[in-house]
Amino acid sequence: MNAPLRWDLLPRFMQVRKKPEFMGGQLYSLSKSIRILDREASESVVSEVLGRLPAANATEIAWEQVPHDEIVSDDAPDACIVDRLRVFLDPYSRRGDPALVLWSAVLCVELSTAHLAEHLEELVDSTAEFSIYLPNAMTLIDRQFSGRVVVAGIEEYV
């Protein structure tokens, strides 16, 4: 099994136990509550979630074609992004819902929304772009390079 691309981009709270080449290609998080999807599963999730949305180009969603709410505007400070994400994720955290964090490099990490909410600062600090998919709610949260964060119910696309 091939390891997902760019496992080295994972924030500290998602760190792997050993380098994947020493684990037969499979990635294992130091935390038992985090599951790093293998390449095949990651590609499947990205295809299912992002691949069905209208595309602006090979790596960006055409948000003007998808009904969404902007919860953080461009150039917002990281602290604002973390606060708004935490408020948005709170009801899902209390229910114990799962979340999938997606990177454009076909890397997906599954964890509880509560665990994700605890480590939002680290996630926001680690990368300028990522998506969070809440499968139980069929909701996608997209943080863009500009700092803008949008939220969309994507049930009609998935």
C-alpha atoms as a PDB file:
ATOM      1  CA  MET A   1       0.000   0.000   0.000  1.00  0.00           C
ATOM      2  CA  ASN A   2       1.377   3.416  -0.920  1.00  0.00           C
ATOM      3  CA  ALA A   3       1.493   6.093   1.749  1.00  0.00           C
ATOM      4  CA  PRO A   4      -0.559   9.245   1.197  1.00  0.00           C
ATOM      5  CA  LEU A   5       1.329  12.123  -0.316  1.00  0.00           C
ATOM      6  CA  ARG A   6       2.924  14.712   1.952  1.00  0.00           C
ATOM      7  CA  TRP A   7       2.413  13.011   5.305  1.00  0.00           C
ATOM      8  CA  ASP A   8       5.168  15.350   6.514  1.00  0.00           C
ATOM      9  CA  LEU A   9       2.675  18.250   6.333  1.00  0.00           C
ATOM     10  CA  LEU A  10       0.647  16.878   9.216  1.00  0.00           C
ATOM     11  CA  PRO A  11       0.420  19.192  12.216  1.00  0.00           C
ATOM     12  CA  ARG A  12       2.149  18.048  15.385  1.00  0.00           C
ATOM     13  CA  PHE A  13      -1.026  16.666  17.007  1.00  0.00           C
ATOM     14  CA  MET A  14      -1.456  14.284  14.043  1.00  0.00           C
ATOM     15  CA  GLN A  15       2.156  13.126  13.878  1.00  0.00           C
ATOM     16  CA  VAL A  16       2.933   9.656  12.643  1.00  0.00           C
ATOM     17  CA  ARG A  17       4.623   7.000  14.750  1.00  0.00           C
ATOM     18  CA  LYS A  18       7.368   6.275  12.264  1.00  0.00           C
ATOM     19  CA  LYS A  19       8.224   7.285   8.756  1.00  0.00           C
ATOM     20  CA  PRO A  20       5.883   5.408   6.402  1.00  0.00           C
ATOM     21  CA  GLU A  21       8.685   3.675   4.542  1.00  0.00           C
ATOM     22  CA  PHE A  22       9.412   1.812   7.791  1.00  0.00           C
ATOM     23  CA  MET A  23       5.750   0.908   8.330  1.00  0.00           C
ATOM     24  CA  GLY A  24       5.180  -0.855   5.016  1.00  0.00           C
ATOM     25  CA  GLY A  25       3.728   2.323   3.562  1.00  0.00           C
ATOM     26  CA  GLN A  26       0.859   2.618   6.050  1.00  0.00           C
ATOM     27  CA  LEU A  27       0.696   5.687   8.269  1.00  0.00           C
ATOM     28  CA  TYR A  28      -0.209   5.460  11.939  1.00  0.00           C
ATOM     29  CA  SER A  29      -0.822   8.481  14.132  1.00  0.00           C
ATOM     30  CA  LEU A  30       0.666   8.759  17.600  1.00  0.00           C
ATOM     31  CA  SER A  31      -2.913   9.340  18.752  1.00  0.00           C
ATOM     32  CA  LYS A  32      -5.248   6.338  18.705  1.00  0.00           C
ATOM     33  CA  SER A  33      -8.189   8.667  18.063  1.00  0.00           C
ATOM     34  CA  ILE A  34      -6.758   9.789  14.717  1.00  0.00           C
ATOM     35  CA  ARG A  35      -6.841   7.643  11.588  1.00  0.00           C
ATOM     36  CA  ILE A  36      -4.684   8.604   8.637  1.00  0.00           C
ATOM     37  CA  LEU A  37      -6.335   7.236   5.522  1.00  0.00           C
ATOM     38  CA  ASP A  38      -4.208   5.308   3.057  1.00  0.00           C
ATOM     39  CA  ARG A  39      -3.764   6.613  -0.479  1.00  0.00           C
ATOM     40  CA  GLU A  40      -6.701   4.671  -1.948  1.00  0.00           C
ATOM     41  CA  ALA A  41      -9.130   5.740   0.791  1.00  0.00           C
ATOM     42  CA  SER A  42      -7.884   9.350   0.623  1.00  0.00           C
ATOM     43  CA  GLU A  43      -8.369   9.496  -3.136  1.00  0.00           C
ATOM     44  CA  SER A  44     -11.847   8.020  -2.726  1.00  0.00           C
ATOM     45  CA  VAL A  45     -12.850  10.650  -0.152  1.00  0.00           C
ATOM     46  CA  VAL A  46     -11.416  13.516  -2.206  1.00  0.00           C
ATOM     47  CA  SER A  47     -13.213  12.233  -5.304  1.00  0.00           C
ATOM     48  CA  GLU A  48     -16.503  11.730  -3.459  1.00  0.00           C
ATOM     49  CA  VAL A  49     -16.463  15.044  -1.622  1.00  0.00           C
ATOM     50  CA  LEU A  50     -14.486  17.534  -3.698  1.00  0.00           C
ATOM     51  CA  GLY A  51     -14.640  15.842  -7.094  1.00  0.00           C
ATOM     52  CA  ARG A  52     -18.388  16.315  -7.432  1.00  0.00           C
ATOM     53  CA  LEU A  53     -18.424  20.040  -6.696  1.00  0.00           C
ATOM     54  CA  PRO A  54     -18.154  22.580  -9.532  1.00  0.00           C
ATOM     55  CA  ALA A  55     -14.477  23.320 -10.122  1.00  0.00           C
ATOM     56  CA  ALA A  56     -12.904  26.703 -10.820  1.00  0.00           C
ATOM     57  CA  ASN A  57      -9.695  24.898 -11.826  1.00  0.00           C
ATOM     58  CA  ALA A  58      -7.847  21.694 -10.947  1.00  0.00           C
ATOM     59  CA  THR A  59      -7.511  22.601  -7.263  1.00  0.00           C
ATOM     60  CA  GLU A  60     -10.259  25.092  -6.399  1.00  0.00           C
ATOM     61  CA  ILE A  61     -13.998  24.841  -5.958  1.00  0.00           C
ATOM     62  CA  ALA A  62     -16.126  27.304  -7.950  1.00  0.00           C
ATOM     63  CA  TRP A  63     -17.788  28.708  -4.829  1.00  0.00           C
ATOM     64  CA  GLU A  64     -19.857  31.170  -6.867  1.00  0.00           C
ATOM     65  CA  GLN A  65     -21.758  28.099  -8.151  1.00  0.00           C
ATOM     66  CA  VAL A  66     -22.266  26.488  -4.723  1.00  0.00           C
ATOM     67  CA  PRO A  67     -24.619  27.950  -2.085  1.00  0.00           C
ATOM     68  CA  HIS A  68     -22.424  28.723   0.932  1.00  0.00           C
ATOM     69  CA  ASP A  69     -21.907  30.971   3.932  1.00  0.00           C
ATOM     70  CA  GLU A  70     -18.715  32.922   4.503  1.00  0.00           C
ATOM     71  CA  ILE A  71     -17.772  32.621   8.169  1.00  0.00           C
ATOM     72  CA  VAL A  72     -14.391  34.367   7.869  1.00  0.00           C
ATOM     73  CA  SER A  73     -13.461  36.987   5.270  1.00  0.00           C
ATOM     74  CA  ASP A  74     -10.167  37.388   3.408  1.00  0.00           C
ATOM     75  CA  ASP A  75      -7.097  38.432   5.388  1.00  0.00           C
ATOM     76  CA  ALA A  76      -8.625  37.637   8.775  1.00  0.00           C
ATOM     77  CA  PRO A  77      -6.091  36.897  11.512  1.00  0.00           C
ATOM     78  CA  ASP A  78      -5.577  33.257  12.448  1.00  0.00           C
ATOM     79  CA  ALA A  79      -7.124  33.842  15.890  1.00  0.00           C
ATOM     80  CA  CYS A  80     -10.366  34.929  14.215  1.00  0.00           C
ATOM     81  CA  ILE A  81     -10.343  31.848  11.976  1.00  0.00           C
ATOM     82  CA  VAL A  82      -9.827  29.559  14.974  1.00  0.00           C
ATOM     83  CA  ASP A  83     -12.598  31.256  16.989  1.00  0.00           C
ATOM     84  CA  ARG A  84     -15.146  31.103  14.177  1.00  0.00           C
ATOM     85  CA  LEU A  85     -14.304  27.491  13.341  1.00  0.00           C
ATOM     86  CA  ARG A  86     -14.580  26.507  16.993  1.00  0.00           C
ATOM     87  CA  VAL A  87     -18.027  28.144  17.278  1.00  0.00           C
ATOM     88  CA  PHE A  88     -19.193  26.467  14.073  1.00  0.00           C
ATOM     89  CA  LEU A  89     -17.874  23.022  15.096  1.00  0.00           C
ATOM     90  CA  ASP A  90     -19.230  23.166  18.666  1.00  0.00           C
ATOM     91  CA  PRO A  91     -22.599  21.406  18.057  1.00  0.00           C
ATOM     92  CA  TYR A  92     -20.863  18.650  16.073  1.00  0.00           C
ATOM     93  CA  SER A  93     -18.235  18.271  18.802  1.00  0.00           C
ATOM     94  CA  ARG A  94     -20.885  17.884  21.501  1.00  0.00           C
ATOM     95  CA  ARG A  95     -22.580  15.139  19.464  1.00  0.00           C
ATOM     96  CA  GLY A  96     -19.298  13.312  18.926  1.00  0.00           C
ATOM     97  CA  ASP A  97     -19.493  13.561  15.139  1.00  0.00           C
ATOM     98  CA  PRO A  98     -16.511  12.508  13.021  1.00  0.00           C
ATOM     99  CA  ALA A  99     -14.576  14.891  10.785  1.00  0.00           C
ATOM    100  CA  LEU A 100     -12.274  14.396   7.833  1.00  0.00           C
ATOM    101  CA  VAL A 101      -9.491  16.912   7.276  1.00  0.00           C
ATOM    102  CA  LEU A 102      -8.533  17.067   3.595  1.00  0.00           C
ATOM    103  CA  TRP A 103      -5.393  18.534   2.083  1.00  0.00           C
ATOM    104  CA  SER A 104      -5.055  19.168  -1.641  1.00  0.00           C
ATOM    105  CA  ALA A 105      -2.141  16.739  -1.720  1.00  0.00           C
ATOM    106  CA  VAL A 106      -4.596  13.830  -1.371  1.00  0.00           C
ATOM    107  CA  LEU A 107      -4.066  13.394   2.329  1.00  0.00           C
ATOM    108  CA  CYS A 108      -7.079  12.711   4.543  1.00  0.00           C
ATOM    109  CA  VAL A 109      -7.185  12.363   8.288  1.00  0.00           C
ATOM    110  CA  GLU A 110     -10.232  11.116  10.207  1.00  0.00           C
ATOM    111  CA  LEU A 111     -10.789  12.189  13.801  1.00  0.00           C
ATOM    112  CA  SER A 112     -13.549  13.321  16.101  1.00  0.00           C
ATOM    113  CA  THR A 113     -14.817  16.854  15.676  1.00  0.00           C
ATOM    114  CA  ALA A 114     -14.122  17.407  19.391  1.00  0.00           C
ATOM    115  CA  HIS A 115     -10.466  16.405  18.978  1.00  0.00           C
ATOM    116  CA  LEU A 116     -10.200  18.638  15.926  1.00  0.00           C
ATOM    117  CA  ALA A 117     -11.727  21.583  17.813  1.00  0.00           C
ATOM    118  CA  GLU A 118      -9.126  21.159  20.582  1.00  0.00           C
ATOM    119  CA  HIS A 119      -6.307  21.503  18.045  1.00  0.00           C
ATOM    120  CA  LEU A 120      -7.639  24.127  15.636  1.00  0.00           C
ATOM    121  CA  GLU A 121      -4.811  26.577  16.389  1.00  0.00           C
ATOM    122  CA  GLU A 122      -2.247  24.005  15.367  1.00  0.00           C
ATOM    123  CA  LEU A 123      -4.158  23.072  12.216  1.00  0.00           C
ATOM    124  CA  VAL A 124      -4.608  26.706  11.144  1.00  0.00           C
ATOM    125  CA  ASP A 125      -0.922  27.434  11.883  1.00  0.00           C
ATOM    126  CA  SER A 126       0.250  24.398   9.901  1.00  0.00           C
ATOM    127  CA  THR A 127      -1.304  25.143   6.511  1.00  0.00           C
ATOM    128  CA  ALA A 128      -2.961  28.000   4.648  1.00  0.00           C
ATOM    129  CA  GLU A 129      -5.436  25.759   2.805  1.00  0.00           C
ATOM    130  CA  PHE A 130      -7.463  22.788   3.975  1.00  0.00           C
ATOM    131  CA  SER A 131     -10.995  21.472   3.975  1.00  0.00           C
ATOM    132  CA  ILE A 132     -12.966  19.830   6.756  1.00  0.00           C
ATOM    133  CA  TYR A 133     -15.734  17.451   5.773  1.00  0.00           C
ATOM    134  CA  LEU A 134     -18.412  16.569   8.328  1.00  0.00           C
ATOM    135  CA  PRO A 135     -19.905  13.370   6.857  1.00  0.00           C
ATOM    136  CA  ASN A 136     -22.865  13.096   9.256  1.00  0.00           C
ATOM    137  CA  ALA A 137     -23.963  16.631   8.328  1.00  0.00           C
ATOM    138  CA  MET A 138     -22.748  16.470   4.701  1.00  0.00           C
ATOM    139  CA  THR A 139     -21.075  19.813   5.309  1.00  0.00           C
ATOM    140  CA  LEU A 140     -17.826  21.102   3.857  1.00  0.00           C
ATOM    141  CA  ILE A 141     -15.707  23.810   5.480  1.00  0.00           C
ATOM    142  CA  ASP A 142     -13.073  25.260   3.173  1.00  0.00           C
ATOM    143  CA  ARG A 143     -10.196  27.453   4.330  1.00  0.00           C
ATOM    144  CA  GLN A 144      -8.642  29.230   1.389  1.00  0.00           C
ATOM    145  CA  PHE A 145      -5.153  30.634   1.010  1.00  0.00           C
ATOM    146  CA  SER A 146      -6.501  34.190   1.415  1.00  0.00           C
ATOM    147  CA  GLY A 147      -7.804  33.314   4.887  1.00  0.00           C
ATOM    148  CA  ARG A 148     -11.421  33.199   3.741  1.00  0.00           C
ATOM    149  CA  VAL A 149     -13.441  30.352   5.253  1.00  0.00           C
ATOM    150  CA  VAL A 150     -16.680  29.165   3.687  1.00  0.00           C
ATOM    151  CA  VAL A 151     -19.188  26.545   4.808  1.00  0.00           C
ATOM    152  CA  ALA A 152     -21.579  24.671   2.538  1.00  0.00           C
ATOM    153  CA  GLY A 153     -24.090  21.883   2.845  1.00  0.00           C
ATOM    154  CA  ILE A 154     -23.104  19.601  -0.022  1.00  0.00           C
ATOM    155  CA  GLU A 155     -25.728  16.857   0.228  1.00  0.00           C
ATOM    156  CA  GLU A 156     -26.906  17.508  -3.344  1.00  0.00           C
ATOM    157  CA  TYR A 157     -23.366  16.920  -4.643  1.00  0.00           C
ATOM    158  CA  VAL A 158     -22.282  13.897  -2.602  1.00  0.00           C
END
